[in-house]
Protein backbone atom coordinates (compact mmCIF):
# COMPACT_ATOMS: atom_id res chain seq x y z
CA MET A 1 226.16 74.85 48.29
CA THR A 2 222.46 74.47 47.65
CA ASP A 3 219.32 73.15 49.34
CA LYS A 4 218.00 71.78 46.04
CA ARG A 5 217.91 68.07 45.41
CA ILE A 6 220.95 67.07 43.39
CA ALA A 7 221.07 64.46 40.62
CA ILE A 8 223.89 63.15 38.46
CA LEU A 9 222.84 61.86 35.04
CA THR A 10 225.30 59.87 32.91
CA ASP A 11 225.38 59.37 29.12
CA ALA A 12 222.99 62.28 29.10
CA THR A 13 222.57 62.70 25.33
CA HIS A 14 221.83 59.00 24.85
CA PHE A 15 219.12 56.46 25.64
CA VAL A 16 216.46 58.27 27.75
CA GLY A 17 218.75 61.01 29.06
CA ASP A 18 216.84 63.97 27.62
CA ALA A 19 213.57 62.83 29.19
CA ILE A 20 215.17 62.17 32.57
CA ALA A 21 216.86 65.58 32.67
CA THR A 22 213.62 67.31 31.72
CA ARG A 23 211.54 65.45 34.29
CA LEU A 24 213.99 65.90 37.14
CA SER A 25 214.34 69.59 36.35
CA THR A 26 210.55 69.94 36.42
CA ASP A 27 210.55 68.20 39.81
CA GLY A 28 212.99 70.77 41.18
CA TYR A 29 216.30 68.95 40.91
CA GLN A 30 219.58 70.46 39.89
CA VAL A 31 220.79 67.97 37.31
CA PHE A 32 224.50 67.61 36.65
CA ALA A 33 224.66 65.89 33.28
CA VAL A 34 227.68 63.94 32.03
CA ASP A 35 228.44 63.06 28.42
CA PRO A 36 231.57 63.05 26.23
CA ALA A 37 229.61 65.17 23.74
CA PHE A 38 229.73 68.07 26.20
CA SER A 39 233.28 68.85 25.13
CA ASP A 40 231.35 70.82 22.48
CA ALA A 41 230.04 74.11 23.91
CA GLY A 42 227.05 74.13 21.56
CA LYS A 43 225.92 70.71 22.75
CA ARG A 44 226.27 71.81 26.36
CA THR A 45 224.11 74.84 25.72
CA ALA A 46 221.49 72.80 23.87
CA PHE A 47 221.24 70.26 26.68
CA GLU A 48 221.04 72.90 29.39
CA SER A 49 218.06 74.40 27.59
CA LEU A 50 216.03 71.31 28.58
CA GLY A 51 215.20 72.85 31.95
CA ASP A 52 216.12 75.10 34.82
CA GLY A 53 218.96 73.72 36.86
CA VAL A 54 220.32 71.43 34.15
CA VAL A 55 224.12 71.74 34.06
CA ALA A 56 226.16 70.01 31.34
CA LEU A 57 229.60 69.10 32.66
CA THR A 58 232.83 68.82 30.72
CA HIS A 59 234.10 66.30 33.29
CA THR A 60 233.68 62.68 32.24
CA SER A 61 235.51 60.48 34.78
CA ALA A 62 233.49 59.35 37.78
CA GLY A 63 235.98 60.71 40.28
CA ASP A 64 236.15 64.14 38.68
CA VAL A 65 232.37 64.38 38.32
CA ILE A 66 231.61 63.45 41.91
CA GLU A 67 234.35 65.76 43.24
CA HIS A 68 232.98 68.65 41.18
CA VAL A 69 229.36 68.08 42.19
CA MET A 70 230.25 67.78 45.86
CA SER A 71 232.25 71.01 45.72
CA GLU A 72 229.38 72.81 43.98
CA ALA A 73 226.38 71.35 45.80
CA GLY A 74 227.66 69.63 48.94
CA HIS A 75 225.52 66.52 48.53
CA ILE A 76 224.15 64.07 45.97
CA ASP A 77 220.58 62.75 46.21
CA LEU A 78 220.37 60.68 43.04
CA LEU A 79 222.60 58.91 40.57
CA ALA A 80 220.68 58.16 37.37
CA SER A 81 223.10 55.85 35.57
CA ASN A 82 221.72 56.13 32.04
CA ASP A 83 224.23 53.89 30.30
CA ALA A 84 224.13 53.33 26.54
CA TYR A 85 226.23 51.28 24.16
CA PRO A 86 225.35 49.66 20.82
CA ALA A 87 223.60 46.31 21.00
CA ILE A 88 225.95 44.50 18.64
CA ARG A 89 224.34 41.65 16.74
CA ALA A 90 226.77 38.72 16.68
CA PRO A 91 226.35 34.97 17.03
CA LEU A 92 228.52 33.40 19.70
CA THR A 93 231.04 32.11 17.17
CA ASP A 94 231.63 35.67 15.88
CA ILE A 95 232.07 37.42 19.23
CA THR A 96 235.56 38.81 19.69
CA SER A 97 237.24 39.41 23.02
CA ASP A 98 237.73 43.09 22.16
CA ALA A 99 234.05 43.61 21.35
CA LEU A 100 233.03 41.85 24.57
CA ARG A 101 235.45 43.92 26.65
CA ASP A 102 234.22 47.17 25.09
CA THR A 103 230.60 46.26 25.82
CA LEU A 104 231.36 45.33 29.43
CA GLU A 105 233.46 48.47 29.91
CA ALA A 106 230.58 50.71 28.82
CA LEU A 107 227.68 48.89 30.45
CA VAL A 108 229.24 47.36 33.58
CA VAL A 109 232.59 48.93 34.49
CA LYS A 110 231.52 52.54 33.97
CA PRO A 111 228.25 52.35 35.95
CA PHE A 112 230.06 50.48 38.73
CA ASP A 113 232.67 53.25 38.79
CA PHE A 114 230.07 56.01 39.16
CA ALA A 115 228.10 54.06 41.76
CA SER A 116 231.17 53.29 43.85
CA HIS A 117 232.26 56.94 43.85
CA VAL A 118 228.83 58.23 44.80
CA ALA A 119 228.01 55.55 47.38
CA GLY A 120 230.51 56.78 49.96
CA HIS A 121 228.90 60.23 50.07
CA MET A 122 225.40 58.76 50.26
CA LYS A 123 226.37 56.35 53.04
CA ALA A 124 227.95 59.14 55.07
CA ARG A 125 224.75 61.18 54.70
CA LYS A 126 222.54 58.14 55.38
CA GLN A 127 220.45 59.01 52.34
CA GLY A 128 220.53 58.49 48.59
CA LYS A 129 219.11 56.76 45.55
CA ILE A 130 220.85 54.98 42.70
CA VAL A 131 218.83 54.09 39.60
CA PHE A 132 220.49 52.16 36.80
CA LEU A 133 218.94 52.35 33.33
CA THR A 134 219.61 48.86 31.98
CA SER A 135 217.58 46.68 29.63
CA ALA A 136 214.82 44.10 29.65
CA ALA A 137 216.74 42.09 27.03
CA PRO A 138 218.41 39.73 29.55
CA LEU A 139 215.07 39.15 31.27
CA ASN A 140 213.72 37.49 28.13
CA GLY A 141 216.80 36.73 26.06
CA LEU A 142 217.67 37.79 22.53
CA PRO A 143 219.41 35.34 20.20
CA ASN A 144 222.63 36.73 18.70
CA TYR A 145 222.80 39.49 21.30
CA ALA A 146 224.58 37.54 24.04
CA MET A 147 227.19 40.27 24.65
CA TYR A 148 224.56 42.91 25.23
CA CYS A 149 222.38 40.62 27.35
CA ALA A 150 225.38 39.58 29.45
CA ALA A 151 226.37 43.17 30.19
CA ARG A 152 222.86 44.39 30.96
CA GLY A 153 222.17 41.26 32.98
CA ALA A 154 225.27 41.90 35.06
CA MET A 155 223.91 45.25 36.21
CA ASN A 156 220.43 43.83 36.81
CA ALA A 157 222.06 41.25 39.08
CA ALA A 158 224.29 43.83 40.76
CA VAL A 159 221.20 45.79 41.82
CA LYS A 160 220.11 42.87 44.01
CA ALA A 161 223.45 42.74 45.83
CA LEU A 162 223.96 46.50 46.09
CA ALA A 163 220.49 47.00 47.53
CA LYS A 164 221.35 44.64 50.40
CA GLU A 165 224.79 46.18 50.85
CA LEU A 166 223.67 49.81 50.92
CA GLY A 167 220.23 49.36 52.49
CA PRO A 168 221.49 49.65 56.08
CA SER A 169 222.78 53.13 55.13
CA ASN A 170 219.33 54.11 53.78
CA VAL A 171 220.55 54.10 50.18
CA GLN A 172 218.08 52.55 47.72
CA VAL A 173 219.33 50.86 44.55
CA ASN A 174 217.02 49.92 41.68
CA ALA A 175 217.09 49.37 37.93
CA ILE A 176 214.64 50.31 35.24
CA ALA A 177 215.04 47.88 32.36
CA PRO A 178 213.60 49.23 29.10
CA ASN A 179 213.04 47.54 25.79
CA PHE A 180 210.97 48.83 22.90
CA VAL A 181 211.19 52.39 24.22
CA ALA A 182 211.67 55.13 21.64
CA ASN A 183 215.17 56.57 21.92
CA PRO A 184 217.97 57.67 19.59
CA ASP A 185 220.22 54.70 20.31
CA TYR A 186 218.03 51.61 20.01
CA PHE A 187 214.67 52.60 18.51
CA PRO A 188 215.26 55.85 16.60
CA PRO A 189 212.56 57.59 14.54
CA GLU A 190 214.08 56.51 11.23
CA LEU A 191 213.84 52.84 12.23
CA MET A 192 210.18 53.14 13.17
CA ALA A 193 209.46 55.06 9.97
CA ASP A 194 210.56 52.05 7.90
CA PRO A 195 207.34 50.37 6.66
CA ASP A 196 209.04 46.97 6.52
CA LYS A 197 210.78 47.02 9.90
CA ALA A 198 208.29 48.81 12.14
CA PRO A 199 205.49 46.18 11.96
CA LYS A 200 207.98 43.41 12.73
CA ILE A 201 209.10 45.28 15.84
CA LEU A 202 205.64 46.23 17.06
CA LYS A 203 204.25 42.71 16.77
CA ASN A 204 206.54 41.66 19.65
CA ILE A 205 205.01 44.17 22.06
CA PRO A 206 201.76 43.17 23.81
CA LEU A 207 200.77 46.83 24.14
CA GLY A 208 201.31 47.29 20.42
CA ARG A 209 203.40 50.46 20.61
CA LEU A 210 206.79 51.74 21.62
CA GLY A 211 207.17 53.16 25.08
CA LYS A 212 207.76 56.86 25.56
CA PRO A 213 211.00 58.09 27.14
CA GLU A 214 208.85 60.23 29.41
CA GLU A 215 207.25 57.08 30.84
CA VAL A 216 210.67 55.78 31.86
CA ALA A 217 211.64 59.19 33.25
CA ALA A 218 208.47 59.21 35.35
CA MET A 219 209.52 55.92 36.93
CA VAL A 220 212.98 57.34 37.66
CA ALA A 221 211.31 60.30 39.36
CA GLN A 222 209.05 57.98 41.38
CA LEU A 223 211.95 55.87 42.62
CA ALA A 224 213.94 59.02 43.43
CA SER A 225 211.11 60.58 45.42
CA GLU A 226 210.34 60.19 49.10
CA ASP A 227 207.47 57.92 48.05
CA GLY A 228 210.07 55.54 46.59
CA GLY A 229 211.94 55.11 49.84
CA PHE A 230 210.80 51.54 50.55
CA PHE A 231 211.60 50.21 47.07
CA THR A 232 215.08 48.75 46.64
CA GLY A 233 216.63 45.81 44.83
CA GLN A 234 214.01 45.97 42.08
CA VAL A 235 214.57 45.47 38.35
CA ILE A 236 211.50 47.01 36.73
CA ALA A 237 210.90 46.02 33.13
CA ALA A 238 209.64 48.84 30.92
CA SER A 239 208.81 46.83 27.83
CA GLY A 240 205.07 47.00 27.17
CA GLY A 241 204.61 43.44 28.39
CA TRP A 242 207.44 41.87 26.37
CA ALA A 243 209.37 40.90 29.51
């Protein structure tokens, strides 16, 4: 058992996971990171080098992760549900049921599973924060990305309901919804190094640049802090003014 603040971070090697783990570690959290890649010992070691108190787990199912963290730490202060899955470009007439199910499984079913497992412990303790990392795409709409927008929009909508459901137990639920934030899954360095593609991307962003993962991580830290205790049910776009 420990007196440190405890965070669970999902899909840790994807999206803005590195930045979140680093920031939370700097803020004094013990971060239990979850990712299928951690079946590789070298990748576990590399991720744990991001900061003191970062622990890369080999567990992947929500039930196993929460059981392990509770046995090790005794409580959970924060779930940072950093869910990533490819934004598949497909017009409506080309969308297959299998592709839609896979997208929903990764971006809706899995975060719901983690949230439902962690919520019972937070409710019993009368304290906790859940932050979903979603997307600003459904806030503005992207043609030919209806599957991705539908899945991300589902979690943005769920935040509103879960905040009301869990609020009486002093559990805050919010979403940070990025778009145009540098990350290995959606806006990798090689994409932005392309002299033809980069200007087309940047022209959509009022601020004229990609966001930094650290900027998103700072918002996670703010919502997770005591200063974030009165904020719940919010979907905060991190898109440089696009949404």
